[in-house]
Amino acid sequence: MNSEMMEIMEMIEMLGTENILDMLVNSSEFQQIFSMVKGVITPFLIPILLMGVANCFFGYKIFRVLLAISTGLVGGVVGIVLGLACTDMNVAGAIFGFILGFALFGVLAWFLYQVFIFVQAFSTGFAFGFVVGSLLAKLQDFTLAIILGVVLGIALGVLVIVFERPVIMAITSFKGASSIALVLAFLIITNPTNFALWNGLLTVVFTIGGFLFQYFFKFGNAQAVPMKAAKVKTPKMNQPVMNQSGMQQPVMNQPVMRPTGAPVLLGIDGLYKGFEFDLNRTLLFGRDEERCNVLYPENANGISKIQFEVGINGDNGQVYVIDQYSTYGTNVNGHRLETNKAAFLNNGDIVMFGEGNVFKVTY
């Protein structure tokens, strides 16, 4: 038996591993089996392809939803483990645990958005750094791997907070491109030895294409953002006009018709200087296209995706403002607000945020 194995090993060494692999994959038997496997697997690849396209070209747009779902699934797994442990391996306990964990983690990820994108970015950076560090240490000492993982994790977490849009666009474009390339490479190749080449090329092409599509085509440039913000203004806001640079500016010499004593937020300085916002409906200030009805450019310094909420309290009729976990804070009369805690505003109070954005409450 040993002599036969030695002969086989000598034959493999003589022919070369690559030549043997080419002979195998080019055989008619292998091609027939490969075609059958491809036919069976292809229907299951369609959802992966569609999800990849959504991630690659619309990743930033749907990232919050995807983050809530993925975090919810993690919570569901935790819930299953705890449910089985607390109910002596009862299936009903596992199902209840999954539902509860999914709902809890999903809701937390949705409302504590910046916390969870930091956590996700940190885990991604840590995993990458740990793998690289382990390979550098030849899997003998994991100290370097842990240190490198923590450093890269923190770095990526900070990047995604400071440069949220481009970093998330890059991450989602790459993830989506990886899925698209995996599926397309599998479908178009006839020789599995070419899979890695096609997969790599397609990943690069779709990553670049997806990022450019998200950055330029779908969202436009930062100069266009205030124009969209003006479209969702209240009817009592000053009507904007176009200046020579194409930016919208408020009309300063037209009176604003409103009921006497109706509370408004008047722009004193910043992008919306001269604009008046009717506070009879709730307003969200920030950079989030989907949720904010007073929108700032993506490159606006010191302004979070959702900076603050302002409106009228239905119980006592007072104007209130709530800082929505903004990174740099919201100030009223020079004092920084506590996050997620309502502060009531009086006539003449000044709200400040970002770089030079000042509003005044008037009745």
Protein backbone atom coordinates (compact mmCIF):
# COMPACT_ATOMS: atom_id res chain seq x y z
CA MET A 1 0.00 0.00 0.00
CA ASN A 2 2.80 2.39 0.86
CA SER A 3 4.61 1.62 -2.38
CA GLU A 4 1.43 2.31 -4.40
CA MET A 5 0.95 5.62 -2.64
CA MET A 6 4.56 6.51 -3.33
CA GLU A 7 4.06 5.77 -7.03
CA ILE A 8 0.93 7.94 -7.12
CA MET A 9 2.72 10.80 -5.38
CA GLU A 10 5.65 10.53 -7.79
CA MET A 11 3.24 10.59 -10.75
CA ILE A 12 1.49 13.69 -9.38
CA GLU A 13 4.84 15.37 -8.84
CA MET A 14 5.96 14.50 -12.34
CA LEU A 15 2.80 15.72 -14.06
CA GLY A 16 2.31 18.72 -11.82
CA THR A 17 -0.77 19.62 -9.80
CA GLU A 18 -1.93 22.27 -12.28
CA ASN A 19 -1.75 19.88 -15.24
CA ILE A 20 -3.73 17.25 -13.36
CA LEU A 21 -6.36 19.84 -12.40
CA ASP A 22 -6.65 21.01 -16.02
CA MET A 23 -7.07 17.42 -17.20
CA LEU A 24 -9.81 16.90 -14.63
CA VAL A 25 -11.87 20.04 -15.28
CA ASN A 26 -11.61 19.68 -19.06
CA SER A 27 -12.89 16.14 -19.04
CA SER A 28 -16.38 15.60 -20.47
CA GLU A 29 -17.54 13.89 -17.26
CA PHE A 30 -16.59 16.87 -15.12
CA GLN A 31 -18.17 19.35 -17.53
CA GLN A 32 -21.41 17.39 -17.45
CA ILE A 33 -21.47 17.31 -13.65
CA PHE A 34 -20.59 21.02 -13.47
CA SER A 35 -23.45 21.91 -15.85
CA MET A 36 -25.90 19.91 -13.74
CA VAL A 37 -24.75 21.59 -10.54
CA LYS A 38 -25.00 25.01 -12.19
CA GLY A 39 -28.57 24.30 -13.30
CA VAL A 40 -29.60 23.27 -9.79
CA ILE A 41 -27.91 26.18 -7.98
CA THR A 42 -28.80 29.01 -10.40
CA PRO A 43 -32.39 29.66 -9.09
CA PHE A 44 -31.01 30.06 -5.56
CA LEU A 45 -28.47 32.60 -6.79
CA ILE A 46 -31.11 35.04 -8.05
CA PRO A 47 -31.95 36.47 -4.58
CA ILE A 48 -28.22 36.87 -3.89
CA LEU A 49 -27.82 38.71 -7.20
CA LEU A 50 -30.79 41.03 -6.52
CA MET A 51 -29.55 41.79 -3.02
CA GLY A 52 -26.10 42.48 -4.42
CA VAL A 53 -27.51 44.94 -6.97
CA ALA A 54 -29.50 46.73 -4.25
CA ASN A 55 -26.43 46.96 -2.02
CA CYS A 56 -24.06 47.99 -4.80
CA PHE A 57 -26.14 50.75 -6.38
CA PHE A 58 -28.53 51.80 -3.59
CA GLY A 59 -26.57 50.76 -0.49
CA TYR A 60 -26.47 54.15 1.21
CA LYS A 61 -30.17 54.70 0.55
CA ILE A 62 -31.22 51.44 2.23
CA PHE A 63 -28.34 51.10 4.67
CA ARG A 64 -30.36 52.03 7.73
CA VAL A 65 -32.93 49.33 6.95
CA LEU A 66 -30.22 46.75 6.22
CA LEU A 67 -28.44 47.68 9.45
CA ALA A 68 -31.63 47.19 11.46
CA ILE A 69 -32.34 43.84 9.78
CA SER A 70 -28.79 42.49 10.14
CA THR A 71 -28.55 43.65 13.75
CA GLY A 72 -31.99 42.17 14.38
CA LEU A 73 -30.82 38.80 13.05
CA VAL A 74 -27.86 38.91 15.43
CA GLY A 75 -30.28 39.66 18.24
CA GLY A 76 -32.48 36.81 17.05
CA VAL A 77 -29.59 34.34 17.31
CA VAL A 78 -28.84 35.59 20.82
CA GLY A 79 -32.53 35.24 21.63
CA ILE A 80 -32.59 31.65 20.39
CA VAL A 81 -29.64 30.71 22.61
CA LEU A 82 -31.16 32.39 25.66
CA GLY A 83 -34.60 30.99 24.87
CA LEU A 84 -33.28 27.43 24.67
CA ALA A 85 -31.27 27.89 27.85
CA CYS A 86 -34.21 29.30 29.82
CA THR A 87 -36.81 26.76 28.65
CA ASP A 88 -34.78 23.54 28.80
CA MET A 89 -34.30 23.34 25.01
CA ASN A 90 -37.95 24.04 24.21
CA VAL A 91 -38.62 24.99 20.57
CA ALA A 92 -41.31 27.49 21.53
CA GLY A 93 -38.81 29.23 23.81
CA ALA A 94 -36.34 29.44 20.93
CA ILE A 95 -38.97 30.97 18.62
CA PHE A 96 -40.05 33.48 21.25
CA GLY A 97 -36.41 34.34 21.95
CA PHE A 98 -35.72 34.90 18.26
CA ILE A 99 -38.72 37.22 17.83
CA LEU A 100 -37.92 39.19 20.97
CA GLY A 101 -34.19 39.44 20.19
CA PHE A 102 -34.82 40.43 16.57
CA ALA A 103 -37.30 43.14 17.54
CA LEU A 104 -35.16 44.53 20.38
CA PHE A 105 -31.87 44.65 18.49
CA GLY A 106 -33.55 45.91 15.30
CA VAL A 107 -35.26 48.80 17.10
CA LEU A 108 -32.05 49.72 18.92
CA ALA A 109 -30.10 49.72 15.64
CA TRP A 110 -32.72 51.93 14.03
CA PHE A 111 -32.84 54.59 16.74
CA LEU A 112 -29.20 54.38 17.88
CA TYR A 113 -28.02 54.52 14.29
CA GLN A 114 -24.62 56.12 14.78
CA VAL A 115 -23.77 53.82 17.68
CA PHE A 116 -24.49 50.73 15.63
CA ILE A 117 -22.75 51.86 12.46
CA PHE A 118 -19.67 52.42 14.63
CA VAL A 119 -20.06 48.94 16.12
CA GLN A 120 -20.49 47.36 12.69
CA ALA A 121 -17.54 49.26 11.25
CA PHE A 122 -15.42 48.36 14.27
CA SER A 123 -16.27 44.65 13.95
CA THR A 124 -15.43 44.72 10.23
CA GLY A 125 -12.10 46.46 10.83
CA PHE A 126 -11.28 44.20 13.76
CA ALA A 127 -11.98 41.03 11.75
CA PHE A 128 -9.81 42.22 8.85
CA GLY A 129 -7.00 43.34 11.15
CA PHE A 130 -7.13 40.09 13.13
CA VAL A 131 -6.84 37.98 9.98
CA VAL A 132 -3.94 40.06 8.64
CA GLY A 133 -2.17 40.05 12.02
CA SER A 134 -2.60 36.30 12.36
CA LEU A 135 -1.09 35.72 8.93
CA LEU A 136 1.82 38.03 9.67
CA ALA A 137 2.48 36.15 12.91
CA LYS A 138 2.07 32.81 11.08
CA LEU A 139 -0.75 31.83 13.46
CA GLN A 140 1.71 31.44 16.34
CA ASP A 141 1.08 34.60 18.37
CA PHE A 142 -2.28 36.36 18.33
CA THR A 143 -1.15 39.43 20.28
CA LEU A 144 -0.31 41.31 17.09
CA ALA A 145 -3.58 40.18 15.53
CA ILE A 146 -5.64 41.57 18.43
CA ILE A 147 -3.75 44.88 18.52
CA LEU A 148 -4.02 45.34 14.76
CA GLY A 149 -7.69 44.40 14.84
CA VAL A 150 -8.51 46.94 17.56
CA VAL A 151 -6.56 49.72 15.80
CA LEU A 152 -8.19 49.08 12.42
CA GLY A 153 -11.59 48.66 14.05
CA ILE A 154 -11.40 52.02 15.82
CA ALA A 155 -10.02 53.70 12.70
CA LEU A 156 -12.83 52.39 10.49
CA GLY A 157 -15.42 53.24 13.15
CA VAL A 158 -14.20 56.83 13.36
CA LEU A 159 -14.09 57.12 9.57
CA VAL A 160 -17.68 55.95 9.20
CA ILE A 161 -18.84 58.53 11.77
CA VAL A 162 -16.84 61.45 10.37
CA PHE A 163 -17.21 60.59 6.67
CA GLU A 164 -20.43 58.63 6.90
CA ARG A 165 -21.74 58.87 3.35
CA PRO A 166 -18.58 58.08 1.32
CA VAL A 167 -17.48 55.31 3.71
CA ILE A 168 -20.90 53.63 3.72
CA MET A 169 -21.08 54.02 -0.06
CA ALA A 170 -17.68 52.35 -0.39
CA ILE A 171 -18.60 49.52 1.99
CA THR A 172 -21.99 48.81 0.42
CA SER A 173 -20.59 49.07 -3.12
CA PHE A 174 -17.91 46.53 -2.28
CA LYS A 175 -20.29 44.14 -0.51
CA GLY A 176 -22.83 44.34 -3.32
CA ALA A 177 -20.15 44.00 -5.98
CA SER A 178 -18.79 40.90 -4.25
CA SER A 179 -22.22 39.24 -4.40
CA ILE A 180 -22.80 40.27 -8.02
CA ALA A 181 -19.35 39.06 -9.07
CA LEU A 182 -19.79 35.75 -7.25
CA VAL A 183 -23.03 35.00 -9.07
CA LEU A 184 -22.01 36.25 -12.52
CA ALA A 185 -18.63 34.53 -12.41
CA PHE A 186 -20.31 31.27 -11.52
CA LEU A 187 -22.84 31.64 -14.35
CA ILE A 188 -20.51 32.70 -17.16
CA ILE A 189 -17.47 30.50 -16.59
CA THR A 190 -17.10 27.10 -18.18
CA ASN A 191 -13.78 26.32 -16.55
CA PRO A 192 -13.74 26.58 -12.73
CA THR A 193 -10.02 27.37 -12.78
CA ASN A 194 -10.91 30.80 -14.20
CA PHE A 195 -13.37 31.55 -11.39
CA ALA A 196 -10.96 33.55 -9.22
CA LEU A 197 -9.90 35.74 -12.14
CA TRP A 198 -13.44 36.55 -13.27
CA ASN A 199 -14.62 37.05 -9.70
CA GLY A 200 -11.81 39.51 -8.97
CA LEU A 201 -12.28 41.52 -12.17
CA LEU A 202 -16.05 41.75 -11.78
CA THR A 203 -15.72 42.77 -8.13
CA VAL A 204 -13.42 45.66 -9.03
CA VAL A 205 -15.60 46.82 -11.93
CA PHE A 206 -18.88 46.73 -9.99
CA THR A 207 -17.35 48.27 -6.86
CA ILE A 208 -16.16 51.29 -8.83
CA GLY A 209 -19.37 51.50 -10.84
CA GLY A 210 -21.61 51.14 -7.78
CA PHE A 211 -19.73 53.80 -5.83
CA LEU A 212 -19.83 56.28 -8.70
CA PHE A 213 -23.54 55.61 -9.28
CA GLN A 214 -24.38 56.21 -5.62
CA TYR A 215 -22.19 59.26 -5.30
CA PHE A 216 -23.02 61.13 -8.50
CA PHE A 217 -26.10 59.79 -10.23
CA LYS A 218 -28.46 58.92 -7.41
CA PHE A 219 -27.66 61.63 -4.89
CA GLY A 220 -26.21 64.46 -6.97
CA ASN A 221 -23.69 66.92 -5.62
CA ALA A 222 -23.86 68.85 -2.38
CA GLN A 223 -24.83 72.06 -4.19
CA ALA A 224 -28.22 70.59 -5.08
CA VAL A 225 -29.27 69.68 -1.54
CA PRO A 226 -30.60 73.08 -0.40
CA MET A 227 -32.77 73.16 -3.52
CA LYS A 228 -34.52 69.98 -2.42
CA ALA A 229 -34.88 71.37 1.08
CA ALA A 230 -36.76 74.38 -0.30
CA LYS A 231 -39.27 72.06 -1.97
CA VAL A 232 -40.42 70.67 1.37
CA LYS A 233 -40.72 74.02 3.11
CA THR A 234 -43.94 75.08 4.75
CA PRO A 235 -46.27 77.39 2.81
CA LYS A 236 -45.43 80.25 5.21
CA MET A 237 -41.70 80.13 4.45
CA ASN A 238 -40.28 82.96 2.34
CA GLN A 239 -40.24 82.03 -1.33
CA PRO A 240 -36.70 81.35 -2.64
CA VAL A 241 -35.21 82.68 -5.87
CA MET A 242 -32.21 81.57 -7.92
CA ASN A 243 -29.04 83.62 -7.82
CA GLN A 244 -26.29 83.66 -10.44
CA SER A 245 -24.51 80.68 -8.90
CA GLY A 246 -27.64 78.55 -9.11
CA MET A 247 -28.15 78.41 -5.33
CA GLN A 248 -31.51 79.32 -3.84
CA GLN A 249 -31.65 82.38 -1.63
CA PRO A 250 -34.57 83.72 0.44
CA VAL A 251 -36.43 86.79 -0.71
CA MET A 252 -35.71 89.41 1.93
CA ASN A 253 -38.23 92.09 0.88
CA GLN A 254 -41.43 90.03 0.84
CA PRO A 255 -43.59 89.91 3.99
CA VAL A 256 -44.45 86.54 5.47
CA MET A 257 -48.20 86.12 5.93
CA ARG A 258 -49.00 84.25 9.13
CA PRO A 259 -51.53 84.49 11.95
CA THR A 260 -50.60 86.96 14.67
CA GLY A 261 -48.74 85.21 17.47
CA ALA A 262 -48.12 82.01 15.48
CA PRO A 263 -44.72 80.61 16.55
CA VAL A 264 -42.04 80.50 13.88
CA LEU A 265 -38.33 79.73 13.71
CA LEU A 266 -36.54 82.59 11.97
CA GLY A 267 -33.16 82.04 10.30
CA ILE A 268 -30.74 84.65 11.67
CA ASP A 269 -27.55 83.32 10.11
CA GLY A 270 -26.37 80.36 8.02
CA LEU A 271 -27.86 78.59 5.00
CA TYR A 272 -31.46 79.50 5.88
CA LYS A 273 -30.85 83.12 6.87
CA GLY A 274 -34.08 85.03 6.27
CA PHE A 275 -36.27 81.91 6.08
CA GLU A 276 -39.16 81.48 8.49
CA PHE A 277 -40.41 78.02 9.45
CA ASP A 278 -43.94 77.55 10.74
CA LEU A 279 -43.76 75.51 13.96
CA ASN A 280 -47.37 74.31 13.82
CA ARG A 281 -45.93 71.08 12.47
CA THR A 282 -42.92 69.09 13.62
CA LEU A 283 -39.68 69.83 11.80
CA LEU A 284 -36.52 67.74 11.61
CA PHE A 285 -33.27 69.56 10.83
CA GLY A 286 -30.29 67.63 9.43
CA ARG A 287 -28.68 65.94 6.42
CA ASP A 288 -30.94 62.90 6.05
CA GLU A 289 -32.80 63.17 2.74
CA GLU A 290 -35.42 60.65 3.76
CA ARG A 291 -36.42 61.98 7.18
CA CYS A 292 -35.50 65.66 7.44
CA ASN A 293 -37.83 68.33 6.08
CA VAL A 294 -35.25 71.09 6.65
CA LEU A 295 -32.28 69.70 4.77
CA TYR A 296 -28.59 70.64 4.85
CA PRO A 297 -25.85 69.65 2.38
CA GLU A 298 -23.99 66.41 3.00
CA ASN A 299 -20.75 68.36 3.43
CA ALA A 300 -22.20 70.75 6.03
CA ASN A 301 -19.75 70.84 8.93
CA GLY A 302 -20.98 70.09 12.43
CA ILE A 303 -24.44 68.92 11.36
CA SER A 304 -25.59 65.33 11.90
CA LYS A 305 -27.91 63.34 9.69
CA ILE A 306 -30.69 64.21 12.13
CA GLN A 307 -29.62 67.22 14.19
CA PHE A 308 -32.73 68.15 16.14
CA GLU A 309 -36.52 68.12 16.21
CA VAL A 310 -38.58 71.23 16.86
CA GLY A 311 -42.32 71.73 17.14
CA ILE A 312 -45.19 72.55 19.48
CA ASN A 313 -46.06 70.37 22.47
CA GLY A 314 -49.65 69.18 22.13
CA ASP A 315 -50.29 69.25 25.88
CA ASN A 316 -49.19 72.75 26.86
CA GLY A 317 -48.77 74.51 23.50
CA GLN A 318 -45.14 75.40 24.15
CA VAL A 319 -42.42 75.28 21.52
CA TYR A 320 -39.92 72.50 22.21
CA VAL A 321 -36.62 71.33 20.75
CA ILE A 322 -35.01 67.87 21.10
CA ASP A 323 -31.41 67.14 20.14
CA GLN A 324 -31.45 63.84 18.21
CA TYR A 325 -28.13 62.36 19.36
CA SER A 326 -26.21 64.83 17.21
CA THR A 327 -22.43 64.48 17.14
CA TYR A 328 -21.57 68.12 17.80
CA GLY A 329 -24.63 69.10 19.80
CA THR A 330 -27.40 71.71 19.62
CA ASN A 331 -27.22 74.90 21.70
CA VAL A 332 -30.03 77.06 23.07
CA ASN A 333 -28.97 80.48 24.34
CA GLY A 334 -25.37 79.24 24.48
CA HIS A 335 -26.09 76.09 26.49
CA ARG A 336 -25.76 72.65 24.96
CA LEU A 337 -28.92 70.53 25.10
CA GLU A 338 -29.07 67.06 26.59
CA THR A 339 -29.64 64.48 23.88
CA ASN A 340 -33.13 63.08 23.41
CA LYS A 341 -34.57 65.37 26.08
CA ALA A 342 -37.14 68.06 25.29
CA ALA A 343 -36.27 71.65 26.14
CA PHE A 344 -39.01 74.28 25.99
CA LEU A 345 -38.34 77.52 24.10
CA ASN A 346 -39.59 81.02 24.81
CA ASN A 347 -40.02 84.00 22.53
CA GLY A 348 -36.59 85.30 21.56
CA ASP A 349 -34.62 82.13 22.41
CA ILE A 350 -31.69 81.42 20.11
CA VAL A 351 -30.97 77.97 18.64
CA MET A 352 -27.46 77.40 17.27
CA PHE A 353 -25.78 74.39 15.67
CA GLY A 354 -23.09 73.50 13.16
CA GLU A 355 -20.94 76.29 11.80
CA GLY A 356 -22.83 79.58 11.98
CA ASN A 357 -26.40 78.27 11.78
CA VAL A 358 -28.53 80.48 14.03
CA PHE A 359 -32.31 80.56 14.45
CA LYS A 360 -34.57 82.65 16.67
CA VAL A 361 -37.94 81.68 18.10
CA THR A 362 -40.53 84.40 17.48
CA TYR A 363 -44.25 84.61 18.27
